[in-house]
All heavy atoms as atom14 arrays in JSON, in Angstrom:
{
  "sequence": "RALGLQGRVLISHAYCLGMIEPARHDALVAGLAEAGIAVMTAGPAGFP",
  "atom14_mask": [
    [1, 1, 1, 1, 1, 1, 1, 1, 1, 1, 1, 0, 0, 0],
    [1, 1, 1, 1, 1, 0, 0, 0, 0, 0, 0, 0, 0, 0],
    [1, 1, 1, 1, 1, 1, 1, 1, 0, 0, 0, 0, 0, 0],
    [1, 1, 1, 1, 0, 0, 0, 0, 0, 0, 0, 0, 0, 0],
    [1, 1, 1, 1, 1, 1, 1, 1, 0, 0, 0, 0, 0, 0],
    [1, 1, 1, 1, 1, 1, 1, 1, 1, 0, 0, 0, 0, 0],
    [1, 1, 1, 1, 0, 0, 0, 0, 0, 0, 0, 0, 0, 0],
    [1, 1, 1, 1, 1, 1, 1, 1, 1, 1, 1, 0, 0, 0],
    [1, 1, 1, 1, 1, 1, 1, 0, 0, 0, 0, 0, 0, 0],
    [1, 1, 1, 1, 1, 1, 1, 1, 0, 0, 0, 0, 0, 0],
    [1, 1, 1, 1, 1, 1, 1, 1, 0, 0, 0, 0, 0, 0],
    [1, 1, 1, 1, 1, 1, 0, 0, 0, 0, 0, 0, 0, 0],
    [1, 1, 1, 1, 1, 1, 1, 1, 1, 1, 0, 0, 0, 0],
    [1, 1, 1, 1, 1, 0, 0, 0, 0, 0, 0, 0, 0, 0],
    [1, 1, 1, 1, 1, 1, 1, 1, 1, 1, 1, 1, 0, 0],
    [1, 1, 1, 1, 1, 1, 0, 0, 0, 0, 0, 0, 0, 0],
    [1, 1, 1, 1, 1, 1, 1, 1, 0, 0, 0, 0, 0, 0],
    [1, 1, 1, 1, 0, 0, 0, 0, 0, 0, 0, 0, 0, 0],
    [1, 1, 1, 1, 1, 1, 1, 1, 0, 0, 0, 0, 0, 0],
    [1, 1, 1, 1, 1, 1, 1, 1, 0, 0, 0, 0, 0, 0],
    [1, 1, 1, 1, 1, 1, 1, 1, 1, 0, 0, 0, 0, 0],
    [1, 1, 1, 1, 1, 1, 1, 0, 0, 0, 0, 0, 0, 0],
    [1, 1, 1, 1, 1, 0, 0, 0, 0, 0, 0, 0, 0, 0],
    [1, 1, 1, 1, 1, 1, 1, 1, 1, 1, 1, 0, 0, 0],
    [1, 1, 1, 1, 1, 1, 1, 1, 1, 1, 0, 0, 0, 0],
    [1, 1, 1, 1, 1, 1, 1, 1, 0, 0, 0, 0, 0, 0],
    [1, 1, 1, 1, 1, 0, 0, 0, 0, 0, 0, 0, 0, 0],
    [1, 1, 1, 1, 1, 1, 1, 1, 0, 0, 0, 0, 0, 0],
    [1, 1, 1, 1, 1, 1, 1, 0, 0, 0, 0, 0, 0, 0],
    [1, 1, 1, 1, 1, 0, 0, 0, 0, 0, 0, 0, 0, 0],
    [1, 1, 1, 1, 0, 0, 0, 0, 0, 0, 0, 0, 0, 0],
    [1, 1, 1, 1, 1, 1, 1, 1, 0, 0, 0, 0, 0, 0],
    [1, 1, 1, 1, 1, 0, 0, 0, 0, 0, 0, 0, 0, 0],
    [1, 1, 1, 1, 1, 1, 1, 1, 1, 0, 0, 0, 0, 0],
    [1, 1, 1, 1, 1, 0, 0, 0, 0, 0, 0, 0, 0, 0],
    [1, 1, 1, 1, 0, 0, 0, 0, 0, 0, 0, 0, 0, 0],
    [1, 1, 1, 1, 1, 1, 1, 1, 0, 0, 0, 0, 0, 0],
    [1, 1, 1, 1, 1, 0, 0, 0, 0, 0, 0, 0, 0, 0],
    [1, 1, 1, 1, 1, 1, 1, 0, 0, 0, 0, 0, 0, 0],
    [1, 1, 1, 1, 1, 1, 1, 1, 0, 0, 0, 0, 0, 0],
    [1, 1, 1, 1, 1, 1, 1, 0, 0, 0, 0, 0, 0, 0],
    [1, 1, 1, 1, 1, 0, 0, 0, 0, 0, 0, 0, 0, 0],
    [1, 1, 1, 1, 0, 0, 0, 0, 0, 0, 0, 0, 0, 0],
    [1, 1, 1, 1, 1, 1, 1, 0, 0, 0, 0, 0, 0, 0],
    [1, 1, 1, 1, 1, 0, 0, 0, 0, 0, 0, 0, 0, 0],
    [1, 1, 1, 1, 0, 0, 0, 0, 0, 0, 0, 0, 0, 0],
    [1, 1, 1, 1, 1, 1, 1, 1, 1, 1, 1, 0, 0, 0],
    [1, 1, 1, 1, 1, 1, 1, 0, 0, 0, 0, 0, 0, 0]
  ],
  "atom14_positions": [
    [[13.41, -3.91, 1.24], [13.98, -3.01, 0.23], [15.11, -3.67, -0.53], [15.18, -3.62, -1.78], [14.5, -1.74, 0.91], [13.46, -0.77, 1.39], [14.16, 0.33, 2.17], [13.31, 1.37, 2.65], [13.61, 2.16, 3.65], [14.79, 2.02, 4.29], [12.79, 3.11, 4.06], [0.0, 0.0, 0.0], [0.0, 0.0, 0.0], [0.0, 0.0, 0.0]],
    [[16.01, -4.29, 0.21], [17.22, -4.86, -0.4], [16.89, -5.92, -1.42], [17.58, -6.05, -2.44], [18.15, -5.4, 0.68], [0.0, 0.0, 0.0], [0.0, 0.0, 0.0], [0.0, 0.0, 0.0], [0.0, 0.0, 0.0], [0.0, 0.0, 0.0], [0.0, 0.0, 0.0], [0.0, 0.0, 0.0], [0.0, 0.0, 0.0], [0.0, 0.0, 0.0]],
    [[15.84, -6.7, -1.14], [15.51, -7.84, -2.02], [14.42, -7.48, -3.04], [14.0, -8.33, -3.81], [15.05, -9.03, -1.17], [16.12, -9.61, -0.23], [15.56, -10.72, 0.61], [17.34, -10.09, -1.02], [0.0, 0.0, 0.0], [0.0, 0.0, 0.0], [0.0, 0.0, 0.0], [0.0, 0.0, 0.0], [0.0, 0.0, 0.0], [0.0, 0.0, 0.0]],
    [[13.99, -6.23, -3.03], [12.98, -5.81, -4.0], [11.65, -6.48, -3.84], [10.96, -6.77, -4.8], [0.0, 0.0, 0.0], [0.0, 0.0, 0.0], [0.0, 0.0, 0.0], [0.0, 0.0, 0.0], [0.0, 0.0, 0.0], [0.0, 0.0, 0.0], [0.0, 0.0, 0.0], [0.0, 0.0, 0.0], [0.0, 0.0, 0.0], [0.0, 0.0, 0.0]],
    [[11.25, -6.7, -2.56], [10.0, -7.39, -2.28], [8.87, -6.45, -1.9], [7.93, -6.83, -1.19], [10.21, -8.44, -1.16], [11.07, -9.64, -1.55], [11.29, -10.54, -0.34], [10.45, -10.42, -2.68], [0.0, 0.0, 0.0], [0.0, 0.0, 0.0], [0.0, 0.0, 0.0], [0.0, 0.0, 0.0], [0.0, 0.0, 0.0], [0.0, 0.0, 0.0]],
    [[8.95, -5.23, -2.38], [7.89, -4.26, -2.1], [6.55, -4.83, -2.53], [6.39, -5.38, -3.63], [8.15, -2.95, -2.84], [9.34, -2.16, -2.26], [10.66, -2.53, -2.9], [10.8, -3.6, -3.49], [11.63, -1.67, -2.77], [0.0, 0.0, 0.0], [0.0, 0.0, 0.0], [0.0, 0.0, 0.0], [0.0, 0.0, 0.0], [0.0, 0.0, 0.0]],
    [[5.53, -4.68, -1.65], [4.2, -5.18, -1.94], [4.0, -6.63, -1.7], [2.91, -7.17, -1.93], [0.0, 0.0, 0.0], [0.0, 0.0, 0.0], [0.0, 0.0, 0.0], [0.0, 0.0, 0.0], [0.0, 0.0, 0.0], [0.0, 0.0, 0.0], [0.0, 0.0, 0.0], [0.0, 0.0, 0.0], [0.0, 0.0, 0.0], [0.0, 0.0, 0.0]],
    [[5.01, -7.33, -1.18], [4.92, -8.78, -0.94], [5.2, -9.16, 0.52], [5.4, -10.32, 0.81], [5.87, -9.53, -1.88], [5.45, -9.41, -3.33], [6.38, -10.13, -4.27], [6.48, -11.57, -4.03], [5.57, -12.45, -4.42], [4.47, -12.05, -5.04], [5.75, -13.74, -4.18], [0.0, 0.0, 0.0], [0.0, 0.0, 0.0], [0.0, 0.0, 0.0]],
    [[5.22, -8.19, 1.39], [5.47, -8.43, 2.82], [4.37, -7.81, 3.67], [3.96, -6.69, 3.4], [6.85, -7.89, 3.24], [7.08, -8.1, 4.74], [7.96, -8.55, 2.43], [0.0, 0.0, 0.0], [0.0, 0.0, 0.0], [0.0, 0.0, 0.0], [0.0, 0.0, 0.0], [0.0, 0.0, 0.0], [0.0, 0.0, 0.0], [0.0, 0.0, 0.0]],
    [[3.91, -8.54, 4.65], [2.88, -8.05, 5.58], [3.37, -8.32, 7.01], [3.91, -9.4, 7.28], [1.54, -8.74, 5.3], [0.3, -8.24, 6.09], [-0.96, -8.46, 5.25], [0.15, -8.9, 7.43], [0.0, 0.0, 0.0], [0.0, 0.0, 0.0], [0.0, 0.0, 0.0], [0.0, 0.0, 0.0], [0.0, 0.0, 0.0], [0.0, 0.0, 0.0]],
    [[3.21, -7.35, 7.85], [3.5, -7.52, 9.28], [2.2, -7.59, 10.05], [1.35, -6.69, 9.97], [4.37, -6.37, 9.83], [5.74, -6.37, 9.15], [4.54, -6.47, 11.34], [6.64, -5.21, 9.53], [0.0, 0.0, 0.0], [0.0, 0.0, 0.0], [0.0, 0.0, 0.0], [0.0, 0.0, 0.0], [0.0, 0.0, 0.0], [0.0, 0.0, 0.0]],
    [[2.0, -8.7, 10.77], [0.79, -8.89, 11.55], [0.98, -8.42, 12.99], [2.01, -8.71, 13.61], [0.38, -10.36, 11.54], [-0.08, -10.76, 10.26], [0.0, 0.0, 0.0], [0.0, 0.0, 0.0], [0.0, 0.0, 0.0], [0.0, 0.0, 0.0], [0.0, 0.0, 0.0], [0.0, 0.0, 0.0], [0.0, 0.0, 0.0], [0.0, 0.0, 0.0]],
    [[0.01, -7.71, 13.48], [-0.07, -7.17, 14.87], [0.7, -5.87, 15.04], [0.14, -4.87, 15.39], [0.34, -8.24, 15.91], [-0.49, -9.47, 15.85], [-1.85, -9.44, 15.99], [-0.14, -10.76, 15.61], [-2.32, -10.68, 15.87], [-1.31, -11.51, 15.62], [0.0, 0.0, 0.0], [0.0, 0.0, 0.0], [0.0, 0.0, 0.0], [0.0, 0.0, 0.0]],
    [[2.04, -5.91, 14.91], [2.82, -4.67, 14.96], [2.52, -3.86, 16.22], [2.3, -2.66, 16.17], [2.62, -3.82, 13.71], [0.0, 0.0, 0.0], [0.0, 0.0, 0.0], [0.0, 0.0, 0.0], [0.0, 0.0, 0.0], [0.0, 0.0, 0.0], [0.0, 0.0, 0.0], [0.0, 0.0, 0.0], [0.0, 0.0, 0.0], [0.0, 0.0, 0.0]],
    [[2.5, -4.54, 17.38], [2.19, -3.88, 18.65], [3.09, -2.68, 18.92], [2.67, -1.69, 19.51], [2.3, -4.84, 19.81], [1.3, -5.99, 19.83], [1.59, -7.17, 20.5], [0.07, -5.89, 19.2], [0.68, -8.21, 20.57], [-0.86, -6.92, 19.24], [-0.54, -8.08, 19.94], [-1.45, -9.11, 19.97], [0.0, 0.0, 0.0], [0.0, 0.0, 0.0]],
    [[4.33, -2.8, 18.5], [5.31, -1.75, 18.83], [4.87, -0.38, 18.32], [5.22, 0.67, 18.92], [6.7, -2.11, 18.31], [6.82, -2.23, 16.5], [0.0, 0.0, 0.0], [0.0, 0.0, 0.0], [0.0, 0.0, 0.0], [0.0, 0.0, 0.0], [0.0, 0.0, 0.0], [0.0, 0.0, 0.0], [0.0, 0.0, 0.0], [0.0, 0.0, 0.0]],
    [[4.1, -0.35, 17.24], [3.69, 0.95, 16.7], [2.7, 1.66, 17.59], [2.5, 2.88, 17.43], [3.04, 0.73, 15.32], [3.99, 0.31, 14.18], [3.22, 0.09, 12.9], [5.11, 1.33, 13.95], [0.0, 0.0, 0.0], [0.0, 0.0, 0.0], [0.0, 0.0, 0.0], [0.0, 0.0, 0.0], [0.0, 0.0, 0.0], [0.0, 0.0, 0.0]],
    [[2.13, 0.97, 18.54], [1.26, 1.61, 19.49], [1.96, 2.03, 20.75], [1.29, 2.46, 21.73], [0.0, 0.0, 0.0], [0.0, 0.0, 0.0], [0.0, 0.0, 0.0], [0.0, 0.0, 0.0], [0.0, 0.0, 0.0], [0.0, 0.0, 0.0], [0.0, 0.0, 0.0], [0.0, 0.0, 0.0], [0.0, 0.0, 0.0], [0.0, 0.0, 0.0]],
    [[3.31, 1.96, 20.79], [4.03, 2.21, 22.04], [5.16, 3.23, 21.92], [5.47, 3.9, 22.9], [4.66, 0.88, 22.49], [3.71, -0.27, 22.68], [4.58, -1.78, 23.14], [5.12, -1.37, 24.79], [0.0, 0.0, 0.0], [0.0, 0.0, 0.0], [0.0, 0.0, 0.0], [0.0, 0.0, 0.0], [0.0, 0.0, 0.0], [0.0, 0.0, 0.0]],
    [[5.77, 3.33, 20.76], [7.0, 4.12, 20.68], [6.71, 5.62, 20.51], [5.62, 6.0, 20.13], [7.89, 3.62, 19.49], [7.09, 3.59, 18.19], [8.43, 2.24, 19.8], [7.85, 3.12, 17.0], [0.0, 0.0, 0.0], [0.0, 0.0, 0.0], [0.0, 0.0, 0.0], [0.0, 0.0, 0.0], [0.0, 0.0, 0.0], [0.0, 0.0, 0.0]],
    [[7.72, 6.43, 20.81], [7.51, 7.89, 20.79], [7.29, 8.38, 19.35], [7.65, 7.72, 18.37], [8.71, 8.58, 21.45], [10.07, 8.22, 20.9], [10.47, 9.12, 19.75], [9.86, 10.22, 19.64], [11.35, 8.74, 18.97], [0.0, 0.0, 0.0], [0.0, 0.0, 0.0], [0.0, 0.0, 0.0], [0.0, 0.0, 0.0], [0.0, 0.0, 0.0]],
    [[6.62, 9.53, 19.2], [6.11, 9.97, 17.88], [7.12, 10.02, 16.76], [6.86, 9.58, 15.65], [5.52, 11.35, 18.18], [5.13, 11.27, 19.61], [6.18, 10.44, 20.28], [0.0, 0.0, 0.0], [0.0, 0.0, 0.0], [0.0, 0.0, 0.0], [0.0, 0.0, 0.0], [0.0, 0.0, 0.0], [0.0, 0.0, 0.0], [0.0, 0.0, 0.0]],
    [[8.31, 10.58, 17.03], [9.3, 10.71, 15.94], [9.75, 9.34, 15.46], [9.89, 9.1, 14.23], [10.48, 11.54, 16.41], [0.0, 0.0, 0.0], [0.0, 0.0, 0.0], [0.0, 0.0, 0.0], [0.0, 0.0, 0.0], [0.0, 0.0, 0.0], [0.0, 0.0, 0.0], [0.0, 0.0, 0.0], [0.0, 0.0, 0.0], [0.0, 0.0, 0.0]],
    [[9.97, 8.43, 16.39], [10.37, 7.07, 16.05], [9.24, 6.37, 15.28], [9.48, 5.69, 14.26], [10.68, 6.31, 17.34], [11.14, 4.88, 17.12], [12.62, 4.84, 16.92], [13.16, 3.53, 17.18], [13.66, 2.73, 16.24], [13.67, 3.1, 14.96], [14.17, 1.55, 16.54], [0.0, 0.0, 0.0], [0.0, 0.0, 0.0], [0.0, 0.0, 0.0]],
    [[8.04, 6.56, 15.76], [6.88, 5.97, 15.09], [6.76, 6.45, 13.64], [6.61, 5.65, 12.73], [5.61, 6.36, 15.88], [4.32, 6.0, 15.2], [3.72, 6.82, 14.25], [3.52, 4.91, 15.3], [2.64, 6.25, 13.84], [2.46, 5.08, 14.46], [0.0, 0.0, 0.0], [0.0, 0.0, 0.0], [0.0, 0.0, 0.0], [0.0, 0.0, 0.0]],
    [[6.84, 7.77, 13.45], [6.65, 8.3, 12.13], [7.73, 7.87, 11.14], [7.47, 7.65, 9.95], [6.58, 9.82, 12.19], [5.34, 10.32, 12.93], [4.41, 9.5, 13.16], [5.28, 11.5, 13.26], [0.0, 0.0, 0.0], [0.0, 0.0, 0.0], [0.0, 0.0, 0.0], [0.0, 0.0, 0.0], [0.0, 0.0, 0.0], [0.0, 0.0, 0.0]],
    [[8.96, 7.72, 11.65], [10.05, 7.25, 10.79], [9.79, 5.8, 10.36], [10.02, 5.46, 9.18], [11.38, 7.37, 11.51], [0.0, 0.0, 0.0], [0.0, 0.0, 0.0], [0.0, 0.0, 0.0], [0.0, 0.0, 0.0], [0.0, 0.0, 0.0], [0.0, 0.0, 0.0], [0.0, 0.0, 0.0], [0.0, 0.0, 0.0], [0.0, 0.0, 0.0]],
    [[9.34, 4.96, 11.28], [9.05, 3.58, 10.91], [7.89, 3.5, 9.93], [7.94, 2.71, 9.0], [8.7, 2.77, 12.18], [9.87, 2.23, 12.99], [9.38, 1.55, 14.26], [10.7, 1.22, 12.17], [0.0, 0.0, 0.0], [0.0, 0.0, 0.0], [0.0, 0.0, 0.0], [0.0, 0.0, 0.0], [0.0, 0.0, 0.0], [0.0, 0.0, 0.0]],
    [[6.85, 4.27, 10.18], [5.71, 4.27, 9.27], [6.09, 4.69, 7.88], [5.67, 4.12, 6.87], [4.56, 5.11, 9.86], [3.46, 5.31, 8.84], [4.0, 4.47, 11.12], [0.0, 0.0, 0.0], [0.0, 0.0, 0.0], [0.0, 0.0, 0.0], [0.0, 0.0, 0.0], [0.0, 0.0, 0.0], [0.0, 0.0, 0.0], [0.0, 0.0, 0.0]],
    [[6.94, 5.72, 7.8], [7.43, 6.17, 6.47], [8.22, 5.04, 5.81], [8.11, 4.84, 4.6], [8.3, 7.42, 6.65], [0.0, 0.0, 0.0], [0.0, 0.0, 0.0], [0.0, 0.0, 0.0], [0.0, 0.0, 0.0], [0.0, 0.0, 0.0], [0.0, 0.0, 0.0], [0.0, 0.0, 0.0], [0.0, 0.0, 0.0], [0.0, 0.0, 0.0]],
    [[9.0, 4.3, 6.59], [9.74, 3.17, 6.04], [8.83, 2.07, 5.55], [9.05, 1.48, 4.48], [0.0, 0.0, 0.0], [0.0, 0.0, 0.0], [0.0, 0.0, 0.0], [0.0, 0.0, 0.0], [0.0, 0.0, 0.0], [0.0, 0.0, 0.0], [0.0, 0.0, 0.0], [0.0, 0.0, 0.0], [0.0, 0.0, 0.0], [0.0, 0.0, 0.0]],
    [[7.75, 1.79, 6.3], [6.79, 0.77, 5.87], [6.14, 1.19, 4.55], [5.98, 0.37, 3.63], [5.7, 0.59, 6.93], [6.14, -0.06, 8.26], [5.0, 0.06, 9.28], [6.54, -1.5, 8.06], [0.0, 0.0, 0.0], [0.0, 0.0, 0.0], [0.0, 0.0, 0.0], [0.0, 0.0, 0.0], [0.0, 0.0, 0.0], [0.0, 0.0, 0.0]],
    [[5.73, 2.45, 4.47], [5.11, 2.95, 3.24], [6.05, 2.85, 2.05], [5.65, 2.38, 0.96], [4.64, 4.37, 3.45], [0.0, 0.0, 0.0], [0.0, 0.0, 0.0], [0.0, 0.0, 0.0], [0.0, 0.0, 0.0], [0.0, 0.0, 0.0], [0.0, 0.0, 0.0], [0.0, 0.0, 0.0], [0.0, 0.0, 0.0], [0.0, 0.0, 0.0]],
    [[7.29, 3.26, 2.24], [8.26, 3.25, 1.14], [8.53, 1.83, 0.66], [8.72, 1.55, -0.51], [9.56, 3.93, 1.58], [10.6, 4.01, 0.48], [11.93, 4.59, 0.97], [11.96, 5.12, 2.1], [12.89, 4.51, 0.2], [0.0, 0.0, 0.0], [0.0, 0.0, 0.0], [0.0, 0.0, 0.0], [0.0, 0.0, 0.0], [0.0, 0.0, 0.0]],
    [[8.57, 0.88, 1.65], [8.88, -0.5, 1.31], [7.64, -1.3, 0.87], [7.76, -2.47, 0.52], [9.53, -1.21, 2.51], [0.0, 0.0, 0.0], [0.0, 0.0, 0.0], [0.0, 0.0, 0.0], [0.0, 0.0, 0.0], [0.0, 0.0, 0.0], [0.0, 0.0, 0.0], [0.0, 0.0, 0.0], [0.0, 0.0, 0.0], [0.0, 0.0, 0.0]],
    [[6.46, -0.64, 0.9], [5.25, -1.34, 0.48], [4.85, -2.47, 1.4], [4.28, -3.48, 0.96], [0.0, 0.0, 0.0], [0.0, 0.0, 0.0], [0.0, 0.0, 0.0], [0.0, 0.0, 0.0], [0.0, 0.0, 0.0], [0.0, 0.0, 0.0], [0.0, 0.0, 0.0], [0.0, 0.0, 0.0], [0.0, 0.0, 0.0], [0.0, 0.0, 0.0]],
    [[5.15, -2.34, 2.7], [4.83, -3.37, 3.67], [3.46, -3.08, 4.28], [3.23, -1.99, 4.81], [5.89, -3.43, 4.79], [7.26, -3.84, 4.17], [5.47, -4.44, 5.87], [8.4, -3.78, 5.14], [0.0, 0.0, 0.0], [0.0, 0.0, 0.0], [0.0, 0.0, 0.0], [0.0, 0.0, 0.0], [0.0, 0.0, 0.0], [0.0, 0.0, 0.0]],
    [[2.55, -4.05, 4.22], [1.21, -3.89, 4.82], [1.24, -4.26, 6.29], [2.18, -4.94, 6.77], [0.23, -4.78, 4.07], [0.0, 0.0, 0.0], [0.0, 0.0, 0.0], [0.0, 0.0, 0.0], [0.0, 0.0, 0.0], [0.0, 0.0, 0.0], [0.0, 0.0, 0.0], [0.0, 0.0, 0.0], [0.0, 0.0, 0.0], [0.0, 0.0, 0.0]],
    [[0.26, -3.79, 7.02], [0.12, -4.07, 8.45], [-1.28, -4.59, 8.75], [-2.25, -3.99, 8.33], [0.41, -2.81, 9.31], [0.08, -3.04, 10.77], [1.86, -2.38, 9.16], [0.0, 0.0, 0.0], [0.0, 0.0, 0.0], [0.0, 0.0, 0.0], [0.0, 0.0, 0.0], [0.0, 0.0, 0.0], [0.0, 0.0, 0.0], [0.0, 0.0, 0.0]],
    [[-1.37, -5.72, 9.5], [-2.63, -6.26, 9.93], [-2.81, -5.99, 11.42], [-1.88, -6.12, 12.22], [-2.64, -7.79, 9.72], [-3.97, -8.49, 9.97], [-4.61, -8.59, 11.67], [-3.24, -9.37, 12.53], [0.0, 0.0, 0.0], [0.0, 0.0, 0.0], [0.0, 0.0, 0.0], [0.0, 0.0, 0.0], [0.0, 0.0, 0.0], [0.0, 0.0, 0.0]],
    [[-4.03, -5.58, 11.78], [-4.37, -5.43, 13.19], [-5.68, -6.16, 13.5], [-6.56, -6.27, 12.66], [-4.53, -3.94, 13.58], [-4.78, -3.85, 14.99], [-5.71, -3.3, 12.84], [0.0, 0.0, 0.0], [0.0, 0.0, 0.0], [0.0, 0.0, 0.0], [0.0, 0.0, 0.0], [0.0, 0.0, 0.0], [0.0, 0.0, 0.0], [0.0, 0.0, 0.0]],
    [[-5.74, -6.69, 14.74], [-6.98, -7.28, 15.22], [-7.71, -6.33, 16.17], [-8.71, -6.69, 16.74], [-6.68, -8.6, 15.92], [0.0, 0.0, 0.0], [0.0, 0.0, 0.0], [0.0, 0.0, 0.0], [0.0, 0.0, 0.0], [0.0, 0.0, 0.0], [0.0, 0.0, 0.0], [0.0, 0.0, 0.0], [0.0, 0.0, 0.0], [0.0, 0.0, 0.0]],
    [[-7.16, -5.12, 16.32], [-7.77, -4.18, 17.26], [-7.81, -4.75, 18.67], [-8.83, -4.7, 19.34], [0.0, 0.0, 0.0], [0.0, 0.0, 0.0], [0.0, 0.0, 0.0], [0.0, 0.0, 0.0], [0.0, 0.0, 0.0], [0.0, 0.0, 0.0], [0.0, 0.0, 0.0], [0.0, 0.0, 0.0], [0.0, 0.0, 0.0], [0.0, 0.0, 0.0]],
    [[-6.68, -5.28, 19.18], [-6.69, -6.02, 20.46], [-7.04, -5.14, 21.65], [-6.6, -4.0, 21.72], [-5.24, -6.53, 20.55], [-4.43, -5.54, 19.79], [-5.3, -5.1, 18.65], [0.0, 0.0, 0.0], [0.0, 0.0, 0.0], [0.0, 0.0, 0.0], [0.0, 0.0, 0.0], [0.0, 0.0, 0.0], [0.0, 0.0, 0.0], [0.0, 0.0, 0.0]],
    [[-7.81, -5.7, 22.56], [-8.21, -4.94, 23.73], [-7.14, -4.89, 24.8], [-6.99, -3.9, 25.52], [-9.48, -5.57, 24.34], [0.0, 0.0, 0.0], [0.0, 0.0, 0.0], [0.0, 0.0, 0.0], [0.0, 0.0, 0.0], [0.0, 0.0, 0.0], [0.0, 0.0, 0.0], [0.0, 0.0, 0.0], [0.0, 0.0, 0.0], [0.0, 0.0, 0.0]],
    [[-6.33, -5.93, 24.9], [-5.35, -6.04, 25.99], [-3.92, -5.76, 25.6], [-3.01, -5.97, 26.42], [0.0, 0.0, 0.0], [0.0, 0.0, 0.0], [0.0, 0.0, 0.0], [0.0, 0.0, 0.0], [0.0, 0.0, 0.0], [0.0, 0.0, 0.0], [0.0, 0.0, 0.0], [0.0, 0.0, 0.0], [0.0, 0.0, 0.0], [0.0, 0.0, 0.0]],
    [[-3.68, -5.32, 24.41], [-2.32, -5.09, 23.92], [-2.28, -3.73, 23.2], [-3.28, -3.23, 22.75], [-1.91, -6.21, 22.95], [-1.83, -7.55, 23.59], [-2.92, -8.41, 23.55], [-0.7, -7.97, 24.29], [-2.87, -9.65, 24.12], [-0.63, -9.21, 24.87], [-1.72, -10.07, 24.8], [0.0, 0.0, 0.0], [0.0, 0.0, 0.0], [0.0, 0.0, 0.0]],
    [[-1.08, -3.19, 23.01], [-0.95, -1.98, 22.21], [-1.36, -2.29, 20.77], [-1.35, -3.45, 20.31], [0.55, -1.63, 22.28], [1.08, -2.44, 23.42], [0.22, -3.65, 23.57], [0.0, 0.0, 0.0], [0.0, 0.0, 0.0], [0.0, 0.0, 0.0], [0.0, 0.0, 0.0], [0.0, 0.0, 0.0], [0.0, 0.0, 0.0], [0.0, 0.0, 0.0]]
  ]
}
């Protein structure tokens, strides 16, 4: 947000989003959406 890089940042894996409690999760997801940050997943079997 601070550097105006919306749409130019991607987070790969983001395991933490499969672990944290709902309110914390939803706040982070809202932040990702607002900042235009994409998320990549491999659908891992052994990780969140």
